[in-house]
Protein backbone atom coordinates (compact mmCIF):
# COMPACT_ATOMS: atom_id res chain seq x y z
CA MET A 1 169.78 -10.84 25.15
CA TYR A 2 168.91 -8.16 27.03
CA ALA A 3 167.94 -4.91 24.42
CA LYS A 4 171.12 -2.23 24.98
CA PHE A 5 169.64 1.41 25.71
CA ASP A 6 171.68 4.45 25.14
CA THR A 7 172.05 5.61 28.35
CA THR A 8 174.07 8.79 27.70
CA THR A 9 172.21 12.45 28.52
CA THR A 10 171.96 15.32 26.69
CA SER A 11 173.58 18.47 28.15
CA PRO A 12 172.59 20.90 29.55
CA ALA A 13 173.45 23.25 27.34
CA ALA A 14 172.12 21.24 24.07
CA ARG A 15 168.62 20.75 25.97
CA SER A 16 168.28 24.51 26.34
CA ARG A 17 169.19 25.33 22.83
CA ARG A 18 166.39 23.02 22.17
CA HIS A 19 164.24 24.31 24.29
CA ARG A 20 164.66 27.77 22.64
CA ARG A 21 164.13 26.35 18.98
CA ILE A 22 161.17 24.89 20.27
CA ALA A 23 159.89 27.84 21.57
CA ALA A 24 161.13 30.02 18.87
CA GLY A 25 158.85 27.54 16.64
CA VAL A 26 155.97 27.94 18.72
CA LEU A 27 156.21 31.76 18.62
CA ALA A 28 156.46 31.65 15.35
CA GLY A 29 153.69 29.32 14.58
CA LEU A 30 151.42 31.89 16.82
CA ALA A 31 152.46 34.90 15.51
CA VAL A 32 151.49 33.54 11.97
CA LEU A 33 147.79 32.40 13.53
CA ALA A 34 147.07 35.95 15.02
CA VAL A 35 148.06 37.37 12.27
CA MET A 36 145.42 35.46 10.04
CA ALA A 37 143.37 35.47 13.18
CA VAL A 38 143.61 39.30 12.47
CA VAL A 39 143.29 39.17 9.05
CA THR A 40 140.12 37.30 8.85
CA ALA A 41 138.46 38.80 11.64
CA PRO A 42 135.51 41.76 10.55
CA ASP A 43 135.79 44.62 11.77
CA GLY A 44 133.61 47.46 10.59
CA SER A 45 136.28 50.08 9.63
CA SER A 46 136.42 51.84 5.53
CA GLN A 47 139.06 49.98 5.45
CA PRO A 48 140.23 47.64 2.17
CA PRO A 49 137.96 44.46 2.15
CA GLY A 50 139.77 41.40 4.22
CA PHE A 51 142.07 44.01 6.19
CA ALA A 52 141.72 44.43 9.31
CA CYS A 53 145.06 45.33 11.98
CA GLU A 54 144.89 44.83 15.75
CA GLU A 55 146.65 46.77 17.66
CA THR A 56 147.47 44.52 20.18
CA ALA A 57 150.49 44.08 23.21
CA GLY A 58 150.22 40.83 24.99
CA PRO A 59 153.25 39.27 26.62
CA ASP A 60 154.43 36.89 23.58
CA VAL A 61 153.22 38.24 20.64
CA VAL A 62 153.18 42.31 19.51
CA THR A 63 150.83 42.87 16.76
CA GLY A 64 150.05 46.47 14.65
CA SER A 65 150.34 49.09 12.10
CA GLY A 66 150.83 51.81 14.34
CA PRO A 67 153.54 54.60 13.81
CA GLY A 68 155.79 52.98 16.93
CA ASP A 69 158.59 54.71 18.30
CA THR A 70 162.29 54.00 20.05
CA THR A 71 161.24 52.65 23.76
CA SER A 72 161.30 48.77 22.44
CA GLY A 73 162.26 46.47 20.45
CA PRO A 74 158.58 45.82 18.69
CA ALA A 75 157.81 49.56 19.00
CA ALA A 76 161.35 50.28 16.44
CA ILE A 77 160.12 47.42 14.03
CA LEU A 78 156.48 48.74 13.87
CA GLY A 79 157.72 52.41 13.14
CA PHE A 80 159.82 50.68 10.69
CA ASN A 81 157.09 48.99 9.03
CA HIS A 82 155.12 52.00 9.40
CA ALA A 83 156.81 54.68 7.97
CA TYR A 84 158.25 52.08 5.08
CA TYR A 85 154.54 51.25 4.10
CA VAL A 86 152.42 54.39 5.39
CA ASP A 87 154.89 57.58 5.15
CA ARG A 88 156.29 56.30 3.08
CA SER A 89 159.79 57.29 3.25
CA SER A 90 163.21 56.29 3.32
CA GLU A 91 164.59 58.82 5.38
CA GLN A 92 161.37 58.42 8.58
CA ALA A 93 162.49 54.69 8.54
CA ARG A 94 165.62 55.12 9.22
CA ARG A 95 164.76 57.20 11.98
CA PHE A 96 164.57 53.09 13.33
CA LEU A 97 167.71 52.19 12.19
CA THR A 98 171.24 51.77 13.69
CA SER A 99 174.48 53.33 12.46
CA ASP A 100 175.66 50.51 10.72
CA SER A 101 172.28 48.52 10.26
CA ALA A 102 172.39 46.02 7.40
CA VAL A 103 169.23 46.78 6.08
CA THR A 104 170.02 48.77 2.62
CA THR A 105 170.60 52.39 2.41
CA GLY A 106 171.22 55.17 0.01
CA ASP A 107 168.44 55.20 -2.20
CA ARG A 108 167.91 51.83 -2.44
CA LEU A 109 165.62 51.49 0.67
CA GLN A 110 163.56 54.46 -1.31
CA THR A 111 163.49 52.13 -4.13
CA GLY A 112 161.94 49.39 -2.57
CA ILE A 113 159.19 51.73 -1.03
CA ASP A 114 158.67 52.92 -4.18
CA ALA A 115 157.74 49.78 -5.63
CA VAL A 116 154.94 49.09 -3.35
CA SER A 117 151.90 50.69 -4.33
CA ALA A 118 150.42 53.41 -2.33
CA ASP A 119 147.30 51.47 -1.26
CA THR A 120 148.90 49.29 0.26
CA ARG A 121 148.35 48.42 3.85
CA HIS A 122 150.52 46.08 6.07
CA CYS A 123 150.04 44.42 9.73
CA VAL A 124 152.73 43.09 11.62
CA SER A 125 153.44 40.60 14.26
CA ILE A 126 156.32 40.47 16.44
CA SER A 127 157.24 37.71 18.86
CA ALA A 128 160.86 37.69 21.08
CA VAL A 129 162.86 34.89 20.35
CA ASN A 130 165.98 35.72 22.52
CA THR A 131 167.56 38.39 24.31
CA THR A 132 171.30 39.08 24.75
CA GLY A 133 172.26 41.61 26.46
CA GLU A 134 171.70 45.20 24.75
CA SER A 135 170.61 42.84 22.12
CA ALA A 136 167.20 40.76 20.84
CA ARG A 137 166.23 38.91 18.04
CA TRP A 138 162.61 38.85 17.24
CA ALA A 139 160.44 36.83 14.23
CA VAL A 140 158.62 39.10 12.46
CA THR A 141 155.69 38.49 9.80
CA VAL A 142 154.65 40.96 8.09
CA ALA A 143 151.51 40.58 5.93
CA GLU A 144 150.90 43.41 3.06
CA PHE A 145 147.38 43.91 1.60
CA ARG A 146 147.32 45.03 -1.95
CA PRO A 147 143.92 46.00 -3.69
CA ASP A 148 143.08 43.09 -6.06
CA THR A 149 145.07 40.56 -4.65
CA GLU A 150 145.86 37.86 -2.13
CA PRO A 151 147.60 38.85 0.93
CA TRP A 152 151.51 38.64 1.06
CA ILE A 153 153.60 37.30 3.76
CA ALA A 154 156.91 38.37 4.69
CA ARG A 155 158.88 36.08 7.68
CA GLN A 156 161.22 38.11 9.08
CA ALA A 157 163.99 37.52 11.55
CA VAL A 158 164.62 41.38 13.26
CA THR A 159 167.78 41.95 15.66
CA THR A 160 167.70 45.26 17.54
CA ARG A 161 169.93 46.87 19.81
CA THR A 162 169.91 49.97 23.05
CA VAL A 163 172.07 52.69 21.53
CA ASP A 164 172.14 55.52 24.16
CA GLY A 165 168.53 54.95 25.61
CA ALA A 166 167.33 54.41 22.24
CA THR A 167 166.29 50.96 20.94
CA LEU A 168 167.22 50.82 17.25
CA ILE A 169 166.64 47.54 14.21
CA SER A 170 169.92 46.59 13.57
CA GLU A 171 169.67 44.09 11.21
CA ILE A 172 166.36 42.74 9.07
CA SER A 173 166.84 38.96 6.87
CA LEU A 174 164.05 36.77 5.86
CA ALA A 175 163.09 33.73 7.97
């Protein structure tokens, strides 16, 4: 008796989706490792102990805490987080959101900002998941560093969209 083997093949579309999921998982893992490397690296600066966020812009991962802008998805994500943690301003943060953004609007965004200690530092790591036309999906890791506590890591899925030449955030969800 001979063993029977399944000789059916997976469709190219199914393989492509599987490869994208695997790539997204690998990129998310790399992003976490990048944040952990940045967090634990000594930097000799005047930042609180345990805090270092090196600005990097590699082909696969962007890391930083700078002011950002609206020239790209990673720049908009950095800008939103800078407005949230450094400027502590929902008005500034909204500059990085589309008008139909699913992100909290009104006073709730400022309430969330106010709930975070003013001396909290942050570091963001961003990697591309996929791009479709004017929209792009990003795997984002935000590390918060509060005095006298362990770092808190949030993993997010962020969607950006280019509108009239500016790239803005249309959605932020937990990943």
